[in-house]
Each structure stands twice: as structure tokens, then as C-alpha cells.
N, C-alpha and C. Protein backbone atom coordinates (compact mmCIF):
# COMPACT_ATOMS: atom_id res chain seq x y z
N ALA A 1 -14.39 9.98 2.02
CA ALA A 1 -13.31 10.85 2.60
C ALA A 1 -13.38 12.21 1.80
N LEU A 2 -13.66 12.21 0.65
CA LEU A 2 -13.54 13.48 -0.13
C LEU A 2 -14.74 14.41 0.28
N THR A 3 -15.91 13.83 0.62
CA THR A 3 -17.07 14.58 1.10
C THR A 3 -16.78 15.26 2.48
N TYR A 4 -15.99 14.51 3.23
CA TYR A 4 -15.61 14.88 4.64
C TYR A 4 -14.67 16.20 4.53
N VAL A 5 -13.76 16.03 3.53
CA VAL A 5 -12.69 17.13 3.42
C VAL A 5 -13.55 18.32 2.80
N VAL A 6 -14.41 18.09 1.96
CA VAL A 6 -15.18 19.31 1.38
C VAL A 6 -16.06 19.84 2.56
N MET A 7 -16.59 19.05 3.25
CA MET A 7 -17.50 19.66 4.40
C MET A 7 -16.61 20.38 5.37
N ARG A 8 -15.42 19.80 5.84
CA ARG A 8 -14.46 20.64 6.68
C ARG A 8 -14.07 21.90 6.19
N GLN A 9 -13.85 21.98 4.85
CA GLN A 9 -13.23 23.22 4.28
C GLN A 9 -14.37 24.24 3.91
N TYR A 10 -15.41 23.77 3.40
CA TYR A 10 -16.41 24.78 2.88
C TYR A 10 -17.66 25.01 3.62
N THR A 11 -17.74 24.38 4.89
CA THR A 11 -18.97 24.77 5.69
C THR A 11 -18.87 26.19 6.09
N GLY A 12 -20.02 26.89 6.05
CA GLY A 12 -20.07 28.29 6.45
C GLY A 12 -19.43 28.53 7.78
N PHE A 13 -18.85 29.78 7.87
CA PHE A 13 -18.13 30.09 9.08
C PHE A 13 -18.94 30.14 10.40
N ILE A 14 -20.14 30.33 10.26
CA ILE A 14 -21.07 30.28 11.42
C ILE A 14 -21.11 28.81 12.05
N PHE A 15 -21.08 27.84 11.26
CA PHE A 15 -21.20 26.46 11.69
C PHE A 15 -19.85 25.70 11.60
N ASN A 16 -18.82 26.44 11.29
CA ASN A 16 -17.48 25.80 11.20
C ASN A 16 -16.43 26.48 12.22
N PRO A 17 -16.29 25.96 13.36
CA PRO A 17 -15.44 26.56 14.38
C PRO A 17 -13.90 26.42 14.16
N ARG A 18 -13.60 25.57 13.05
CA ARG A 18 -12.12 25.18 12.84
C ARG A 18 -11.46 26.30 12.09
N ASP A 19 -10.11 26.49 12.46
CA ASP A 19 -9.24 27.36 11.74
C ASP A 19 -8.85 26.77 10.49
N LEU A 20 -9.35 27.32 9.36
CA LEU A 20 -9.17 26.77 8.08
C LEU A 20 -7.69 26.78 7.54
N SER A 21 -6.82 27.75 8.14
CA SER A 21 -5.50 27.73 7.78
C SER A 21 -4.70 26.61 8.41
N GLN A 22 -5.30 25.84 9.37
CA GLN A 22 -4.66 24.73 9.99
C GLN A 22 -5.21 23.42 9.39
N LEU A 23 -6.06 23.49 8.35
CA LEU A 23 -6.64 22.36 7.77
C LEU A 23 -5.64 21.54 7.02
N ASN A 24 -5.50 20.28 7.39
CA ASN A 24 -4.60 19.29 6.60
C ASN A 24 -5.39 18.24 6.05
N ILE A 25 -5.40 18.14 4.70
CA ILE A 25 -6.19 17.21 4.00
C ILE A 25 -5.79 15.76 4.36
N VAL A 26 -4.55 15.51 4.52
CA VAL A 26 -4.12 14.13 4.78
C VAL A 26 -4.68 13.73 6.06
N VAL A 27 -4.59 14.55 7.14
CA VAL A 27 -5.13 14.20 8.48
C VAL A 27 -6.64 13.97 8.35
N GLU A 28 -7.34 14.83 7.59
CA GLU A 28 -8.78 14.56 7.32
C GLU A 28 -9.16 13.35 6.71
N VAL A 29 -8.39 12.95 5.69
CA VAL A 29 -8.62 11.67 5.01
C VAL A 29 -8.39 10.50 5.96
N ILE A 30 -7.21 10.57 6.65
CA ILE A 30 -6.92 9.51 7.59
C ILE A 30 -8.01 9.42 8.69
N SER A 31 -8.58 10.61 9.10
CA SER A 31 -9.61 10.50 10.13
C SER A 31 -10.95 9.91 9.69
N VAL A 32 -11.09 9.69 8.40
CA VAL A 32 -12.15 8.92 7.87
C VAL A 32 -11.79 7.53 7.55
N LEU A 33 -10.60 7.30 6.93
CA LEU A 33 -10.26 5.97 6.64
C LEU A 33 -9.95 4.97 7.69
N VAL A 34 -9.30 5.56 8.79
CA VAL A 34 -8.83 4.72 9.94
C VAL A 34 -10.07 4.16 10.66
N PRO A 35 -11.05 4.95 11.01
CA PRO A 35 -12.29 4.36 11.60
C PRO A 35 -13.05 3.41 10.73
N PHE A 36 -13.09 3.74 9.48
CA PHE A 36 -13.74 2.75 8.53
C PHE A 36 -12.88 1.49 8.53
N LEU A 37 -11.69 1.49 8.34
CA LEU A 37 -10.90 0.23 8.30
C LEU A 37 -10.91 -0.57 9.66
N LEU A 38 -10.76 0.26 10.74
CA LEU A 38 -10.81 -0.36 12.03
C LEU A 38 -12.28 -1.12 12.24
N TRP A 39 -13.22 -0.44 11.88
CA TRP A 39 -14.58 -1.09 12.06
C TRP A 39 -14.68 -2.49 11.22
N ALA A 40 -14.10 -2.41 9.94
CA ALA A 40 -14.20 -3.52 9.07
C ALA A 40 -13.31 -4.68 9.59
N ILE A 41 -12.17 -4.34 10.12
CA ILE A 41 -11.16 -5.28 10.55
C ILE A 41 -11.60 -5.92 11.86
N VAL A 42 -12.09 -5.10 12.84
CA VAL A 42 -12.35 -5.61 14.11
C VAL A 42 -13.71 -6.42 13.96
N ASN A 43 -14.62 -5.84 13.19
CA ASN A 43 -15.99 -6.61 12.94
C ASN A 43 -15.63 -8.00 12.28
N TRP A 44 -14.75 -8.07 11.35
CA TRP A 44 -14.46 -9.26 10.78
C TRP A 44 -13.79 -10.18 11.76
N ALA A 45 -12.84 -9.79 12.53
CA ALA A 45 -12.27 -10.59 13.55
C ALA A 45 -13.27 -11.14 14.56
N LEU A 46 -14.17 -10.23 14.96
CA LEU A 46 -15.07 -10.68 16.06
C LEU A 46 -16.10 -11.60 15.50
N THR A 47 -16.71 -11.34 14.31
CA THR A 47 -17.74 -12.16 13.69
C THR A 47 -17.22 -13.48 13.24
N THR A 48 -15.96 -13.58 12.91
CA THR A 48 -15.24 -14.88 12.63
C THR A 48 -15.43 -15.88 13.80
N LEU A 49 -15.30 -15.35 14.94
CA LEU A 49 -15.33 -16.10 16.32
C LEU A 49 -16.78 -16.33 16.65
N MET A 50 -17.69 -15.46 16.12
CA MET A 50 -19.06 -15.59 16.49
C MET A 50 -19.95 -16.11 15.47
N ASP A 51 -19.37 -16.92 14.60
CA ASP A 51 -20.04 -17.75 13.42
C ASP A 51 -20.90 -16.67 12.53
N GLY A 52 -20.16 -15.60 12.25
CA GLY A 52 -20.84 -14.68 11.28
C GLY A 52 -20.59 -15.24 9.88
N LYS A 53 -21.55 -14.93 8.91
CA LYS A 53 -21.44 -15.52 7.58
C LYS A 53 -20.74 -14.61 6.66
N GLY A 54 -20.63 -13.29 6.98
CA GLY A 54 -19.98 -12.39 6.05
C GLY A 54 -18.47 -12.44 5.98
N THR A 55 -17.86 -12.18 4.79
CA THR A 55 -16.41 -12.10 4.69
C THR A 55 -15.99 -10.61 4.91
N PHE A 56 -14.70 -10.51 4.93
CA PHE A 56 -14.11 -9.18 5.01
C PHE A 56 -14.58 -8.29 3.92
N ARG A 57 -14.58 -8.80 2.70
CA ARG A 57 -15.03 -8.08 1.59
C ARG A 57 -16.51 -7.58 1.72
N ASP A 58 -17.33 -8.47 2.29
CA ASP A 58 -18.75 -8.10 2.45
C ASP A 58 -18.97 -7.07 3.48
N ILE A 59 -18.14 -7.06 4.48
CA ILE A 59 -18.16 -6.02 5.51
C ILE A 59 -17.76 -4.71 5.02
N VAL A 60 -16.64 -4.71 4.20
CA VAL A 60 -16.16 -3.43 3.66
C VAL A 60 -17.33 -2.85 2.71
N ILE A 61 -17.94 -3.70 1.91
CA ILE A 61 -18.87 -3.18 0.93
C ILE A 61 -20.10 -2.79 1.57
N ALA A 62 -20.60 -3.51 2.64
CA ALA A 62 -21.81 -3.12 3.33
C ALA A 62 -21.57 -1.78 4.09
N THR A 63 -20.38 -1.53 4.73
CA THR A 63 -20.12 -0.40 5.40
C THR A 63 -19.93 0.83 4.53
N ALA A 64 -19.31 0.64 3.35
CA ALA A 64 -19.17 1.71 2.35
C ALA A 64 -20.46 2.09 1.81
N TYR A 65 -21.42 1.16 1.55
CA TYR A 65 -22.84 1.56 1.06
C TYR A 65 -23.50 2.22 2.15
N ALA A 66 -23.33 1.85 3.43
CA ALA A 66 -24.03 2.46 4.53
C ALA A 66 -23.71 3.87 4.75
N LEU A 67 -22.50 4.30 4.27
CA LEU A 67 -22.11 5.76 4.39
C LEU A 67 -22.72 6.62 3.29
N THR A 68 -23.52 6.09 2.50
CA THR A 68 -24.13 6.83 1.36
C THR A 68 -24.98 7.99 2.04
N PRO A 69 -25.82 7.81 2.96
CA PRO A 69 -26.65 8.95 3.53
C PRO A 69 -25.76 10.13 4.00
N PHE A 70 -24.64 9.80 4.55
CA PHE A 70 -23.72 10.78 5.13
C PHE A 70 -23.21 11.59 3.93
N VAL A 71 -22.81 10.93 2.93
CA VAL A 71 -22.37 11.64 1.69
C VAL A 71 -23.42 12.57 1.08
N LEU A 72 -24.63 11.91 0.83
CA LEU A 72 -25.78 12.61 0.23
C LEU A 72 -26.26 13.78 1.05
N ILE A 73 -26.26 13.68 2.36
CA ILE A 73 -26.85 14.83 3.11
C ILE A 73 -25.77 15.91 3.35
N ASN A 74 -24.51 15.57 3.49
CA ASN A 74 -23.56 16.52 3.87
C ASN A 74 -23.16 17.47 2.78
N LEU A 75 -23.24 16.98 1.49
CA LEU A 75 -22.89 17.96 0.42
C LEU A 75 -23.84 19.03 0.32
N PRO A 76 -25.10 18.78 0.21
CA PRO A 76 -26.08 19.92 0.21
C PRO A 76 -26.08 20.72 1.50
N LEU A 77 -25.87 20.05 2.60
CA LEU A 77 -25.82 20.74 4.01
C LEU A 77 -24.57 21.64 3.93
N THR A 78 -23.48 21.31 3.38
CA THR A 78 -22.34 22.16 3.38
C THR A 78 -22.67 23.44 2.51
N LEU A 79 -23.32 23.27 1.40
CA LEU A 79 -23.70 24.33 0.54
C LEU A 79 -24.69 25.29 1.27
N ALA A 80 -25.62 24.65 1.92
CA ALA A 80 -26.68 25.51 2.62
C ALA A 80 -26.18 26.17 3.78
N SER A 81 -25.03 25.64 4.38
CA SER A 81 -24.48 26.29 5.68
C SER A 81 -23.92 27.59 5.36
N ASN A 82 -23.62 27.90 4.01
CA ASN A 82 -23.16 29.29 3.66
C ASN A 82 -24.26 30.28 3.65
N TYR A 83 -25.51 29.81 3.67
CA TYR A 83 -26.62 30.79 3.47
C TYR A 83 -27.52 30.75 4.59
N LEU A 84 -27.40 29.89 5.52
CA LEU A 84 -28.21 29.86 6.75
C LEU A 84 -27.63 30.81 7.81
N THR A 85 -28.64 31.36 8.62
CA THR A 85 -28.28 32.17 9.77
C THR A 85 -28.09 31.35 11.06
N LEU A 86 -27.60 32.02 12.04
CA LEU A 86 -27.51 31.30 13.29
C LEU A 86 -28.78 30.72 13.80
N GLU A 87 -29.91 31.49 13.70
CA GLU A 87 -31.18 31.07 14.19
C GLU A 87 -31.70 29.97 13.42
N GLU A 88 -31.27 29.74 12.13
CA GLU A 88 -31.67 28.59 11.28
C GLU A 88 -30.69 27.41 11.47
N GLY A 89 -29.83 27.50 12.39
CA GLY A 89 -28.91 26.44 12.72
C GLY A 89 -29.52 25.13 13.12
N THR A 90 -30.69 25.35 13.74
CA THR A 90 -31.43 24.11 14.22
C THR A 90 -31.61 23.15 13.02
N PHE A 91 -32.05 23.67 11.95
CA PHE A 91 -32.29 22.89 10.66
C PHE A 91 -31.02 22.15 10.30
N TYR A 92 -29.91 22.92 10.24
CA TYR A 92 -28.58 22.43 9.87
C TYR A 92 -28.21 21.23 10.77
N TYR A 93 -28.26 21.42 12.04
CA TYR A 93 -27.84 20.35 12.99
C TYR A 93 -28.82 19.24 12.97
N PHE A 94 -30.11 19.45 12.78
CA PHE A 94 -31.09 18.42 12.62
C PHE A 94 -30.85 17.50 11.43
N LEU A 95 -30.59 18.10 10.30
CA LEU A 95 -30.29 17.38 9.00
C LEU A 95 -28.95 16.59 9.28
N GLY A 96 -27.86 17.18 9.90
CA GLY A 96 -26.74 16.39 10.10
C GLY A 96 -26.89 15.24 11.02
N PHE A 97 -27.73 15.43 12.06
CA PHE A 97 -28.15 14.31 12.99
C PHE A 97 -28.94 13.29 12.21
N LEU A 98 -29.79 13.65 11.38
CA LEU A 98 -30.60 12.76 10.63
C LEU A 98 -29.68 11.81 9.67
N GLY A 99 -28.80 12.48 9.03
CA GLY A 99 -27.86 11.84 8.18
C GLY A 99 -26.95 10.75 8.96
N THR A 100 -26.54 11.18 10.10
CA THR A 100 -25.81 10.30 11.01
C THR A 100 -26.60 9.13 11.44
N LEU A 101 -27.82 9.36 11.85
CA LEU A 101 -28.71 8.33 12.40
C LEU A 101 -29.02 7.34 11.30
N TRP A 102 -29.29 7.89 10.05
CA TRP A 102 -29.57 7.03 8.93
C TRP A 102 -28.31 6.14 8.66
N THR A 103 -27.15 6.72 8.66
CA THR A 103 -25.96 6.00 8.36
C THR A 103 -25.72 4.91 9.45
N VAL A 104 -25.80 5.21 10.71
CA VAL A 104 -25.71 4.25 11.83
C VAL A 104 -26.77 3.08 11.63
N SER A 105 -27.96 3.37 11.24
CA SER A 105 -28.96 2.39 11.15
C SER A 105 -28.65 1.43 9.95
N LEU A 106 -28.13 2.06 8.86
CA LEU A 106 -27.63 1.20 7.71
C LEU A 106 -26.55 0.45 8.03
N VAL A 107 -25.58 0.81 8.91
CA VAL A 107 -24.49 -0.08 9.23
C VAL A 107 -25.00 -1.13 10.13
N PHE A 108 -25.82 -0.79 10.96
CA PHE A 108 -26.47 -1.84 11.83
C PHE A 108 -27.22 -3.00 11.04
N ILE A 109 -28.09 -2.52 10.17
CA ILE A 109 -28.85 -3.44 9.31
C ILE A 109 -28.03 -4.19 8.38
N GLY A 110 -26.97 -3.50 7.76
CA GLY A 110 -26.03 -4.16 6.95
C GLY A 110 -25.21 -5.29 7.61
N THR A 111 -24.82 -5.08 8.87
CA THR A 111 -24.08 -6.05 9.64
C THR A 111 -25.01 -7.20 9.98
N MET A 112 -26.24 -6.88 10.25
CA MET A 112 -27.13 -7.99 10.67
C MET A 112 -27.40 -8.77 9.39
N THR A 113 -27.50 -8.16 8.21
CA THR A 113 -27.82 -8.91 7.04
C THR A 113 -26.69 -9.71 6.60
N ILE A 114 -25.56 -9.27 6.52
CA ILE A 114 -24.42 -9.95 5.94
C ILE A 114 -23.93 -11.10 6.83
N HIS A 115 -24.20 -11.05 8.24
CA HIS A 115 -23.67 -12.07 9.16
C HIS A 115 -24.89 -12.99 9.50
N ASP A 116 -26.05 -12.73 9.01
CA ASP A 116 -27.18 -13.43 9.27
C ASP A 116 -27.51 -13.62 10.78
N TYR A 117 -27.54 -12.52 11.44
CA TYR A 117 -27.73 -12.44 12.89
C TYR A 117 -29.10 -11.94 13.17
N ASP A 118 -29.64 -12.23 14.33
CA ASP A 118 -30.87 -11.60 14.72
C ASP A 118 -30.51 -10.21 15.46
N THR A 119 -31.57 -9.50 15.78
CA THR A 119 -31.33 -8.09 16.28
C THR A 119 -30.49 -8.07 17.53
N GLY A 120 -30.79 -8.99 18.54
CA GLY A 120 -30.15 -9.01 19.72
C GLY A 120 -28.64 -9.33 19.57
N LYS A 121 -28.30 -10.35 18.86
CA LYS A 121 -26.88 -10.86 18.65
C LYS A 121 -26.17 -9.75 17.84
N ASN A 122 -26.81 -9.14 16.96
CA ASN A 122 -26.17 -7.99 16.09
C ASN A 122 -25.83 -6.84 17.00
N PHE A 123 -26.80 -6.38 17.92
CA PHE A 123 -26.56 -5.32 18.84
C PHE A 123 -25.25 -5.63 19.72
N TRP A 124 -25.11 -6.82 20.26
CA TRP A 124 -24.00 -7.16 21.01
C TRP A 124 -22.76 -7.20 20.19
N THR A 125 -22.88 -7.68 18.94
CA THR A 125 -21.81 -7.78 18.01
C THR A 125 -21.24 -6.33 17.68
N CYS A 126 -22.08 -5.40 17.43
CA CYS A 126 -21.80 -3.96 17.09
C CYS A 126 -21.16 -3.37 18.42
N LEU A 127 -21.73 -3.62 19.58
CA LEU A 127 -21.13 -3.06 20.83
C LEU A 127 -19.69 -3.60 21.12
N LEU A 128 -19.60 -4.98 20.82
CA LEU A 128 -18.27 -5.49 21.12
C LEU A 128 -17.28 -5.04 20.06
N THR A 129 -17.73 -4.81 18.80
CA THR A 129 -16.89 -4.21 17.77
C THR A 129 -16.35 -2.83 18.15
N ILE A 130 -17.18 -2.01 18.73
CA ILE A 130 -16.84 -0.67 19.17
C ILE A 130 -15.91 -0.83 20.38
N ILE A 131 -16.06 -1.70 21.28
CA ILE A 131 -15.16 -1.93 22.41
C ILE A 131 -13.82 -2.44 21.83
N GLY A 132 -13.87 -3.37 20.80
CA GLY A 132 -12.66 -3.87 20.13
C GLY A 132 -11.87 -2.78 19.47
N ILE A 133 -12.54 -1.81 18.89
CA ILE A 133 -11.93 -0.70 18.27
C ILE A 133 -11.14 0.10 19.30
N GLY A 134 -11.84 0.35 20.42
CA GLY A 134 -11.05 0.93 21.56
C GLY A 134 -9.85 0.22 22.05
N ILE A 135 -9.95 -1.14 22.12
CA ILE A 135 -8.72 -1.85 22.60
C ILE A 135 -7.68 -1.82 21.46
N VAL A 136 -7.99 -1.88 20.25
CA VAL A 136 -6.98 -1.73 19.08
C VAL A 136 -6.29 -0.37 19.19
N LEU A 137 -7.16 0.69 19.36
CA LEU A 137 -6.49 2.02 19.45
C LEU A 137 -5.55 2.09 20.73
N PHE A 138 -6.05 1.56 21.84
CA PHE A 138 -5.22 1.60 23.05
C PHE A 138 -4.00 0.83 22.72
N LEU A 139 -4.04 -0.33 22.17
CA LEU A 139 -2.78 -1.07 21.96
C LEU A 139 -1.84 -0.42 20.95
N GLY A 140 -2.46 0.22 19.98
CA GLY A 140 -1.70 0.92 18.98
C GLY A 140 -1.01 2.18 19.64
N LEU A 141 -1.58 2.89 20.50
CA LEU A 141 -1.00 4.00 21.23
C LEU A 141 0.14 3.43 22.21
N LEU A 142 -0.21 2.39 22.85
CA LEU A 142 0.77 1.75 23.70
C LEU A 142 2.04 1.36 22.91
N PHE A 143 1.87 0.83 21.77
CA PHE A 143 3.01 0.32 21.08
C PHE A 143 3.80 1.55 20.52
N VAL A 144 3.10 2.66 20.16
CA VAL A 144 3.91 3.90 19.71
C VAL A 144 4.69 4.43 20.96
N ASN A 145 3.95 4.39 22.11
CA ASN A 145 4.67 4.89 23.27
C ASN A 145 5.89 4.10 23.63
N VAL A 146 5.81 2.74 23.53
CA VAL A 146 6.91 1.82 23.89
C VAL A 146 8.00 2.16 22.78
N LEU A 147 7.70 2.42 21.62
CA LEU A 147 8.75 2.64 20.63
C LEU A 147 9.44 4.00 20.89
N ASN A 148 8.76 4.95 21.34
CA ASN A 148 9.28 6.23 21.76
C ASN A 148 10.29 6.13 22.93
N VAL A 149 9.92 5.30 23.95
CA VAL A 149 10.74 5.03 25.06
C VAL A 149 12.04 4.33 24.63
N VAL A 150 11.79 3.29 23.79
CA VAL A 150 13.05 2.51 23.23
C VAL A 150 13.89 3.36 22.48
N ALA A 151 13.37 4.23 21.71
CA ALA A 151 14.07 5.15 20.83
C ALA A 151 14.84 6.16 21.75
N GLY A 152 14.25 6.66 22.77
CA GLY A 152 14.96 7.57 23.76
C GLY A 152 16.02 6.88 24.48
N PHE A 153 15.78 5.59 24.85
CA PHE A 153 16.85 4.91 25.49
C PHE A 153 18.05 4.58 24.73
N ILE A 154 17.77 4.17 23.45
CA ILE A 154 18.84 3.91 22.54
C ILE A 154 19.68 5.29 22.23
N SER A 155 18.90 6.41 22.14
CA SER A 155 19.49 7.65 21.85
C SER A 155 20.34 8.09 23.16
N SER A 156 19.87 7.84 24.23
CA SER A 156 20.72 8.17 25.51
C SER A 156 21.91 7.24 25.67
N VAL A 157 21.79 5.90 25.36
CA VAL A 157 22.88 5.16 25.37
C VAL A 157 24.02 5.47 24.38
N TYR A 158 23.58 5.82 23.21
CA TYR A 158 24.40 6.18 22.14
C TYR A 158 25.15 7.58 22.61
N ALA A 159 24.39 8.57 23.12
CA ALA A 159 25.07 9.70 23.58
C ALA A 159 26.04 9.59 24.74
N GLU A 160 25.69 8.58 25.53
CA GLU A 160 26.58 8.28 26.70
C GLU A 160 27.92 7.62 26.20
N LEU A 161 27.74 6.73 25.06
CA LEU A 161 28.90 6.03 24.64
C LEU A 161 29.84 7.11 23.92
N ILE A 162 29.22 7.99 23.16
CA ILE A 162 29.98 9.03 22.44
C ILE A 162 30.76 9.85 23.51
N LEU A 163 30.17 10.30 24.59
CA LEU A 163 30.68 11.09 25.59
C LEU A 163 31.87 10.35 26.34
N ARG A 164 31.71 9.04 26.41
CA ARG A 164 32.71 8.27 27.20
C ARG A 164 33.93 7.96 26.31
N LEU A 165 33.68 8.01 25.02
CA LEU A 165 34.83 7.70 24.18
C LEU A 165 35.49 8.93 23.71
């Protein structure tokens, strides 16, 4: 999470289209931790049903270690982005893509190893985990929306009671 915040803050202006005055560190940390935890929780829930051998602890550790290339590539890349020109941006984006590809492959291999799956079953497990994350996010947003509607209803009933009395 710290590397991501540093990358968002200190990437060179040519490669950083974000308004740095609007940067919120809490939001940036949450935008890293929520997907990480969602992956671990949904993967654990799914692989429990699919005879996976890994525990929740194993999933968290394997996923955390799989993020190492992302950390190792993005720190020097952030520094280099302050010295690269727009024409050299191809190298910047290629190295970022390489780090992401390396991280995704390590997550895939780590999931396959800790659950003792073959490649095909692991592919479907990872795909179902991503779909499960989407379902969890949808249900979370639906729950927040229902809470807003209920709060609005209670507020309007309260206002109506106050006006009638």
C-alpha cells in the first residue's frame, strides 16, 4: 500500500494525470487493501467448496508475496518517471506492464500451489474468484443503497411527525 501511495504521489507529471492536490492517502490505501482482502476472502470461500488445500492464512501470505514484483518495479519506475521524456514513455509503460504481468502470474502460480490444483482447475478457480469479487462488490453497493433509502425514509417520517405535532 505504501508503494502505491508513493507511486501515485511522486510519479513524474508527464505520466501522472491525477491532480495531486486531490490525493487522499486513506483512499489510496483502501484502494489497495480492499481488493487484496476481497481476493483472499472470496478465494478462501470458493476453494473451501472446491476442495482446496490452502487456508485463509496461506492465501493471504501467497498473495502478499506475489505482490513483490509490483513493489520492486514500481519504486524505481516512479523515480525514473521524473527523468523520462514523453517519447521514452514506452519503456515506462512496458516496465509497468511487465511488473503487473509478473505479479498476476505469481498470484496464479501461488494459488495453484497452495490449493494443489492443476492448471485448468486453477484457471477456473481464479476466474470464479474474480466473478465472486464482482458479486460481493455488487451486494455491498446494494446494501449501502438500501441503507440510504431506509435512512431517507426514517428521516422523512420523522420530519412528517414533527410537522404534524
